[in-house]
Each structure stands twice: as C-alpha cells, then as structure tokens.
Amino acid sequence: MKKFDYRGAVIPLALLLIWQLVSAFNWVDAALLPAPKAVLAVLIEAVQSGELYENVGSSLLRNTAGFVIGGVLGAVLGLLLGLNIWLDRIFSPTLNAIKHVAIFAWIPLMIMWFGNAEKSKVIFIALVVFYPVFFNTYDGVKNVPTKVKEVALIFKLNPLQRFLKVILPAAAPSIFAGLNIALVFSWVATVGAEYFFIAAPGVVNPILDGQNLFQMEVVLYGMLIIGAVGLLFSKAAQYFENYNLRWRQDANK
C-alpha cells in the first residue's frame, strides 16, 4: 500500500492558517470572507439536517447515469470505428469536427430538445464523458503495433480471438486513460449542469442559495463539498486505472 505523502497537505494547511489569521484580525470584512468556524457550522448543520446527503446523493446519481451512458457509447463507437475502416471513413470526419464545438454551446439545444430539467443534465454529462472515452478508445485500437497484429496471424487466431487476446489488451492503456479523464471531467460536467439547468437537489444548491442570500459561509461550504467530492473522483480514477492495468506493471517486473 502506498504511504500517504504529508507534503501534499502543506499548502492546504498553510491556506487554512492564513484564512484563520485573516478572520481573527478582521483584515477582511466577515461578510466577504467568513471565519472557518462559520463554514464548519454550516457543514455540521447540513449533516444534521440530512441536506448534505441529499445534495451529494442526487449529484452522484446523475453523475453516474451520465458517466455510464457516455462511457458505453464512447467505448463502443471507438472500438467500431477503430476496427472498421469503412465506418471510420464515414463517421470520423464528422466526429472530429463536432469535438471542436465548445461543450457549453450545446446547452441551448439541449434545453429546446430535452427540456431544462434532469434529462438535459444527464445528457450534458454523457456528452462530456463521451469525447475522451471515444477518442482514447479509437486511438488505442488504431495504434496497436503492427508486430502485435502479426502475432495474431502467426497463431491463426479467429477475429474474435484477435480482438479479445490481442487488440483489446494492447489498446487497454489508452482506453483506461480515456475513462480516467472522463471520470474526472464528469464531476466538472455535473457541477456545470446543475448550475446552468433548472435547480434541483445537488451540490451546487448551497452555492446558489448562498449567492442569492449573500451568505458567503454557505457559498464556501458548497465549494468545499464540491472540491472534496472532486478530489475523491480524482483518486478513484487513479486507482481505477492502476488496478485495471496492474497486469502491465507485473509484466515489467
């Protein structure tokens, strides 16, 4: 098990100390930068009332739905276009052109097509997830070394065996890298979706409520929760990739 590196906590602790000093000596108006204890009080209240669990649970639910839909579509299409030259020639130019459209430019269309509620949020997240999974899967399959493909011919493997035993393992690092990126991006997309579409239970709610009521401690509490969950997503993505590619590490020993 990898040991915890305490050096990574130096900057957060230093910022927390500076924040406490600024609040203690009233260097900044408390209405603009409340003391850490005020933010902690909001956090405790949210835990006791169950609001924290409702907001985080709702966000994770729509995040999971969008990640699964976008990830599956991206992986399947990436494999199909990477393996079939005719599908590649037909669809790749269009997909490469569409990827240059800023993701937030799709929001007006989504609202008109799918409404301004939960469905659009999930579709928005799925779209954000789709791109890194698709292009990494596609590149992974297209860039399988020729020597690896020649091994399949030498052993006279049928198409299914070539795919499962040669193509897929060789492309796996690129595929999992795409899933890794998508997992982190999906949380950013979840926060964006909750901000731009109709309000519903989610981690952005405290930020919107605090903004409307000018309660900075509530805004900072919301930012803290978003950052904490985002950090967990980043760590989960790293663990996910390392776990699924452990065979490659064993082979290099």
Protein backbone atom coordinates (compact mmCIF):
# COMPACT_ATOMS: atom_id res chain seq x y z
CA MET A 1 0.00 0.00 0.00
CA LYS A 2 1.30 3.41 -0.97
CA LYS A 3 2.09 5.61 2.03
CA PHE A 4 0.38 8.95 2.44
CA ASP A 5 2.61 11.83 1.36
CA TYR A 6 2.21 14.52 4.01
CA ARG A 7 3.93 17.08 1.80
CA GLY A 8 0.75 17.38 -0.23
CA ALA A 9 -1.06 18.76 2.83
CA VAL A 10 1.37 21.63 3.38
CA ILE A 11 -0.31 24.17 1.07
CA PRO A 12 -3.92 23.41 2.19
CA LEU A 13 -2.90 23.71 5.84
CA ALA A 14 -1.00 26.93 5.14
CA LEU A 15 -4.03 28.42 3.36
CA LEU A 16 -6.27 27.37 6.24
CA LEU A 17 -3.91 29.05 8.71
CA ILE A 18 -3.82 32.26 6.66
CA TRP A 19 -7.62 32.19 6.40
CA GLN A 20 -7.91 31.84 10.17
CA LEU A 21 -5.47 34.71 10.78
CA VAL A 22 -7.26 36.98 8.30
CA SER A 23 -10.57 36.27 10.06
CA ALA A 24 -9.16 36.58 13.58
CA PHE A 25 -7.62 40.02 12.95
CA ASN A 26 -10.57 41.23 10.81
CA TRP A 27 -8.33 42.08 7.86
CA VAL A 28 -11.26 41.33 5.54
CA ASP A 29 -14.95 42.03 6.09
CA ALA A 30 -16.57 38.90 7.56
CA ALA A 31 -19.44 39.32 5.10
CA LEU A 32 -16.98 38.69 2.27
CA LEU A 33 -14.75 36.13 3.97
CA PRO A 34 -16.36 34.45 6.99
CA ALA A 35 -14.25 32.63 9.57
CA PRO A 36 -13.56 28.91 9.12
CA LYS A 37 -15.73 28.15 12.17
CA ALA A 38 -18.72 29.75 10.41
CA VAL A 39 -18.26 27.45 7.41
CA LEU A 40 -17.83 24.48 9.76
CA ALA A 41 -21.09 25.39 11.49
CA VAL A 42 -22.92 25.33 8.14
CA LEU A 43 -21.36 21.93 7.37
CA ILE A 44 -22.46 20.49 10.73
CA GLU A 45 -25.98 21.83 10.23
CA ALA A 46 -26.16 20.31 6.74
CA VAL A 47 -25.04 16.93 8.10
CA GLN A 48 -27.55 17.00 10.96
CA SER A 49 -30.45 18.02 8.73
CA GLY A 50 -29.59 15.46 6.06
CA GLU A 51 -29.26 18.17 3.42
CA LEU A 52 -25.64 17.21 2.69
CA TYR A 53 -26.53 13.58 1.96
CA GLU A 54 -29.48 14.56 -0.23
CA ASN A 55 -27.44 17.00 -2.31
CA VAL A 56 -24.38 14.77 -2.71
CA GLY A 57 -26.53 11.69 -3.38
CA SER A 58 -28.54 13.47 -6.08
CA SER A 59 -25.39 14.74 -7.79
CA LEU A 60 -23.72 11.34 -7.68
CA LEU A 61 -26.82 9.69 -9.12
CA ARG A 62 -27.00 11.95 -12.17
CA ASN A 63 -23.21 11.80 -12.49
CA THR A 64 -23.27 8.01 -12.57
CA ALA A 65 -26.07 7.95 -15.14
CA GLY A 66 -24.24 10.35 -17.43
CA PHE A 67 -20.91 8.58 -17.00
CA VAL A 68 -22.33 5.16 -17.84
CA ILE A 69 -24.24 6.40 -20.90
CA GLY A 70 -21.37 8.48 -22.27
CA GLY A 71 -18.72 5.90 -21.38
CA VAL A 72 -20.53 2.98 -23.02
CA LEU A 73 -21.33 4.94 -26.18
CA GLY A 74 -17.80 6.30 -26.39
CA ALA A 75 -16.14 2.91 -25.90
CA VAL A 76 -18.45 1.08 -28.34
CA LEU A 77 -18.14 3.68 -31.10
CA GLY A 78 -14.40 3.98 -30.53
CA LEU A 79 -13.97 0.23 -30.95
CA LEU A 80 -16.25 0.07 -34.01
CA LEU A 81 -14.54 2.92 -35.86
CA GLY A 82 -11.10 1.75 -34.82
CA LEU A 83 -11.73 -1.75 -36.15
CA ASN A 84 -13.77 -0.96 -39.27
CA ILE A 85 -12.12 1.21 -41.91
CA TRP A 86 -15.41 1.98 -43.70
CA LEU A 87 -17.15 3.21 -40.54
CA ASP A 88 -14.00 5.17 -39.77
CA ARG A 89 -14.09 6.97 -43.12
CA ILE A 90 -17.81 7.75 -42.81
CA PHE A 91 -18.06 8.95 -39.20
CA SER A 92 -14.60 10.13 -38.11
CA PRO A 93 -14.56 13.43 -40.08
CA THR A 94 -17.91 14.43 -38.56
CA LEU A 95 -16.94 13.47 -35.03
CA ASN A 96 -13.62 15.27 -35.33
CA ALA A 97 -15.46 18.40 -36.47
CA ILE A 98 -18.07 18.22 -33.70
CA LYS A 99 -15.44 17.89 -30.97
CA HIS A 100 -14.33 21.46 -31.70
CA VAL A 101 -17.74 22.82 -30.67
CA ALA A 102 -17.46 24.16 -27.13
CA ILE A 103 -19.37 21.87 -24.80
CA PHE A 104 -21.42 24.71 -23.30
CA ALA A 105 -22.62 25.69 -26.78
CA TRP A 106 -24.83 22.59 -26.70
CA ILE A 107 -26.84 23.81 -23.69
CA PRO A 108 -29.41 25.93 -25.64
CA LEU A 109 -30.08 23.00 -27.99
CA MET A 110 -30.44 20.58 -25.08
CA ILE A 111 -32.94 22.87 -23.38
CA MET A 112 -35.02 23.16 -26.57
CA TRP A 113 -34.83 19.44 -27.38
CA PHE A 114 -34.96 17.77 -23.97
CA GLY A 115 -36.24 20.45 -21.60
CA ASN A 116 -34.49 22.24 -18.78
CA ALA A 117 -34.58 19.53 -16.13
CA GLU A 118 -32.96 16.22 -15.20
CA LYS A 119 -32.84 14.66 -18.66
CA SER A 120 -30.76 17.52 -20.07
CA LYS A 121 -28.37 17.35 -17.13
CA VAL A 122 -27.67 13.66 -17.69
CA ILE A 123 -27.27 14.14 -21.46
CA PHE A 124 -24.87 17.03 -20.87
CA ILE A 125 -22.73 14.89 -18.55
CA ALA A 126 -22.85 11.99 -21.02
CA LEU A 127 -21.65 14.27 -23.82
CA VAL A 128 -18.71 15.48 -21.75
CA VAL A 129 -17.78 11.87 -20.93
CA PHE A 130 -18.24 10.63 -24.49
CA TYR A 131 -15.41 12.59 -26.11
CA PRO A 132 -12.38 11.45 -24.06
CA VAL A 133 -13.60 7.84 -23.96
CA PHE A 134 -14.31 7.71 -27.69
CA PHE A 135 -11.09 9.32 -28.91
CA ASN A 136 -8.85 7.43 -26.50
CA THR A 137 -10.51 4.13 -27.41
CA TYR A 138 -10.29 4.93 -31.10
CA ASP A 139 -6.62 5.94 -30.89
CA GLY A 140 -5.81 2.89 -28.76
CA VAL A 141 -7.26 0.50 -31.34
CA LYS A 142 -5.80 2.31 -34.36
CA ASN A 143 -2.33 2.47 -32.83
CA VAL A 144 -1.95 -1.19 -31.93
CA PRO A 145 1.61 -2.05 -33.10
CA THR A 146 1.85 -3.97 -36.35
CA LYS A 147 4.10 -6.56 -34.69
CA VAL A 148 1.35 -7.32 -32.19
CA LYS A 149 -1.14 -7.89 -35.02
CA GLU A 150 1.36 -10.16 -36.75
CA VAL A 151 1.43 -12.37 -33.66
CA ALA A 152 -2.30 -13.00 -34.11
CA LEU A 153 -1.71 -14.05 -37.71
CA ILE A 154 1.10 -16.38 -36.72
CA PHE A 155 -1.12 -18.16 -34.20
CA LYS A 156 -4.01 -18.18 -36.69
CA LEU A 157 -6.49 -16.59 -34.30
CA ASN A 158 -10.04 -16.00 -35.49
CA PRO A 159 -11.44 -12.41 -35.48
CA LEU A 160 -13.00 -12.73 -32.01
CA GLN A 161 -9.81 -14.19 -30.55
CA ARG A 162 -7.73 -11.44 -32.19
CA PHE A 163 -9.97 -8.82 -30.64
CA LEU A 164 -10.08 -10.31 -27.13
CA LYS A 165 -6.49 -11.55 -26.88
CA VAL A 166 -4.53 -9.06 -29.00
CA ILE A 167 -6.34 -5.83 -29.92
CA LEU A 168 -8.18 -5.17 -26.66
CA PRO A 169 -5.20 -5.81 -24.30
CA ALA A 170 -2.92 -3.68 -26.50
CA ALA A 171 -5.45 -0.83 -26.56
CA ALA A 172 -6.35 -1.13 -22.87
CA PRO A 173 -3.91 1.52 -21.57
CA SER A 174 -5.38 4.14 -23.90
CA ILE A 175 -8.96 3.07 -23.15
CA PHE A 176 -8.48 3.27 -19.40
CA ALA A 177 -6.71 6.60 -19.76
CA GLY A 178 -9.83 7.90 -21.51
CA LEU A 179 -12.08 6.53 -18.77
CA ASN A 180 -9.78 8.08 -16.18
CA ILE A 181 -10.07 11.52 -17.79
CA ALA A 182 -13.81 11.09 -18.29
CA LEU A 183 -14.38 10.20 -14.64
CA VAL A 184 -12.78 13.46 -13.52
CA PHE A 185 -14.47 15.52 -16.26
CA SER A 186 -17.84 14.00 -15.39
CA TRP A 187 -17.82 15.68 -11.99
CA VAL A 188 -16.98 19.05 -13.57
CA ALA A 189 -19.85 18.45 -16.00
CA THR A 190 -22.19 17.58 -13.13
CA VAL A 191 -21.43 20.86 -11.39
CA GLY A 192 -21.86 22.75 -14.66
CA ALA A 193 -25.15 21.02 -15.44
CA GLU A 194 -26.57 21.83 -12.01
CA TYR A 195 -25.55 25.45 -12.44
CA PHE A 196 -26.97 26.03 -15.94
CA PHE A 197 -30.16 23.97 -15.83
CA ILE A 198 -33.19 24.22 -13.52
CA ALA A 199 -32.27 23.95 -9.84
CA ALA A 200 -32.84 20.59 -8.15
CA PRO A 201 -31.19 18.80 -5.22
CA GLY A 202 -27.44 18.78 -5.86
CA VAL A 203 -24.09 20.06 -4.63
CA VAL A 204 -24.49 23.39 -6.44
CA ASN A 205 -27.65 24.26 -4.47
CA PRO A 206 -25.79 25.69 -1.44
CA ILE A 207 -23.71 27.94 -3.71
CA LEU A 208 -26.82 29.28 -5.45
CA ASP A 209 -28.67 29.74 -2.16
CA GLY A 210 -25.69 31.45 -0.54
CA GLN A 211 -25.27 33.72 -3.55
CA ASN A 212 -28.93 34.77 -3.52
CA LEU A 213 -28.92 35.41 0.24
CA PHE A 214 -25.38 36.83 0.28
CA GLN A 215 -24.27 34.25 2.83
CA MET A 216 -20.63 33.62 1.99
CA GLU A 217 -20.28 30.87 4.59
CA VAL A 218 -22.90 28.87 2.69
CA VAL A 219 -21.12 29.53 -0.63
CA LEU A 220 -17.79 28.40 0.82
CA TYR A 221 -19.41 25.32 2.32
CA GLY A 222 -20.75 24.41 -1.12
CA MET A 223 -17.34 24.94 -2.71
CA LEU A 224 -15.76 22.77 -0.01
CA ILE A 225 -18.15 19.90 -0.72
CA ILE A 226 -17.63 20.15 -4.50
CA GLY A 227 -13.86 20.16 -4.06
CA ALA A 228 -13.91 17.23 -1.64
CA VAL A 229 -16.04 15.07 -3.94
CA GLY A 230 -13.91 16.11 -6.93
CA LEU A 231 -10.79 15.02 -5.07
CA LEU A 232 -12.37 11.64 -4.36
CA PHE A 233 -13.21 11.29 -8.06
CA SER A 234 -9.60 12.06 -8.99
CA LYS A 235 -8.27 9.46 -6.53
CA ALA A 236 -10.86 6.92 -7.67
CA ALA A 237 -9.89 7.47 -11.32
CA GLN A 238 -6.21 6.94 -10.48
CA TYR A 239 -6.96 3.78 -8.50
CA PHE A 240 -9.28 2.54 -11.25
CA GLU A 241 -6.60 2.87 -13.92
CA ASN A 242 -3.82 1.38 -11.76
CA TYR A 243 -6.00 -1.57 -10.74
CA ASN A 244 -7.12 -2.44 -14.25
CA LEU A 245 -3.61 -2.10 -15.68
CA ARG A 246 -1.84 -3.97 -12.87
CA TRP A 247 -1.02 -6.76 -15.31
CA ARG A 248 1.20 -4.34 -17.22
CA GLN A 249 3.09 -3.44 -14.06
CA ASP A 250 3.56 -7.12 -13.24
CA ALA A 251 4.88 -7.78 -16.73
CA ASN A 252 7.53 -5.10 -16.31
CA LYS A 253 8.92 -6.63 -13.11
